[in-house]
Amino acid sequence: ELGQDIVTESRGGASDGNITAAAGCPTVDGLGTVGGAIHSPDEWVLRRSLVDRAALTAIVIRRFFRS
């Protein structure tokens, strides 16, 4: 709907999604903004990604509650 590419990735880190993914459940995680240097003093965000990610999150929620 938004013309964004959605890809499957495996990454390190810690979130509640680790529990569901380990149980074999499809898990959506990482709908945050585009940026870099996460969790460091040099962390940054691409401001124009805020609108795209908010729209993507809204679509995911809408589709979840339709099913």
Protein backbone atom coordinates (compact mmCIF):
# COMPACT_ATOMS: atom_id res chain seq x y z
CA GLU A 1 0.00 0.00 0.00
CA LEU A 2 2.82 2.38 0.78
CA GLY A 3 5.33 1.19 -1.78
CA GLN A 4 7.77 0.16 0.97
CA ASP A 5 9.84 -3.00 0.77
CA ILE A 6 9.26 -5.31 3.73
CA VAL A 7 12.02 -7.84 4.32
CA THR A 8 12.69 -10.66 6.73
CA GLU A 9 15.79 -10.18 8.85
CA SER A 10 17.52 -11.84 11.75
CA ARG A 11 19.27 -9.53 14.18
CA GLY A 12 20.72 -9.59 17.61
CA GLY A 13 19.23 -7.68 20.48
CA ALA A 14 16.59 -8.09 23.12
CA SER A 15 12.85 -7.60 22.91
CA ASP A 16 9.67 -9.48 23.76
CA GLY A 17 9.68 -10.49 20.10
CA ASN A 18 12.55 -12.85 20.88
CA ILE A 19 10.17 -14.98 22.97
CA THR A 20 7.48 -15.27 20.30
CA ALA A 21 9.97 -15.79 17.47
CA ALA A 22 11.71 -18.55 19.44
CA ALA A 23 8.30 -20.22 19.89
CA GLY A 24 7.89 -20.26 16.11
CA CYS A 25 5.25 -17.52 15.95
CA PRO A 26 5.42 -14.92 13.18
CA THR A 27 6.67 -11.79 14.90
CA VAL A 28 6.60 -8.17 13.80
CA ASP A 29 9.36 -6.11 15.37
CA GLY A 30 11.43 -3.17 14.28
CA LEU A 31 8.75 -0.77 13.05
CA GLY A 32 10.73 2.13 14.44
CA THR A 33 12.34 4.91 12.52
CA VAL A 34 15.23 4.72 10.11
CA GLY A 35 18.48 5.79 11.72
CA GLY A 36 21.76 4.56 13.04
CA ALA A 37 24.16 4.16 15.95
CA ILE A 38 21.28 2.74 18.00
CA HIS A 39 21.50 3.08 21.79
CA SER A 40 24.70 5.09 21.68
CA PRO A 41 25.52 8.74 22.31
CA ASP A 42 25.75 9.16 18.53
CA GLU A 43 22.28 7.72 17.80
CA TRP A 44 20.41 9.55 15.04
CA VAL A 45 17.04 9.35 13.27
CA LEU A 46 16.04 10.24 9.73
CA ARG A 47 13.13 12.60 10.42
CA ARG A 48 11.39 11.95 7.14
CA SER A 49 11.06 8.29 8.14
CA LEU A 50 8.68 9.19 10.98
CA VAL A 51 5.63 9.63 8.74
CA ASP A 52 6.36 6.48 6.70
CA ARG A 53 6.82 4.33 9.80
CA ALA A 54 3.69 5.73 11.47
CA ALA A 55 1.67 4.91 8.33
CA LEU A 56 3.17 1.40 8.18
CA THR A 57 2.35 0.79 11.85
CA ALA A 58 -1.24 1.96 11.32
CA ILE A 59 -1.68 -0.44 8.39
CA VAL A 60 -0.24 -3.36 10.37
CA ILE A 61 -2.64 -2.64 13.26
CA ARG A 62 -5.63 -2.26 10.92
CA ARG A 63 -4.89 -5.53 9.15
CA PHE A 64 -4.36 -7.36 12.45
CA PHE A 65 -7.79 -6.36 13.74
CA ARG A 66 -9.50 -7.19 10.42
CA SER A 67 -8.47 -10.84 10.59
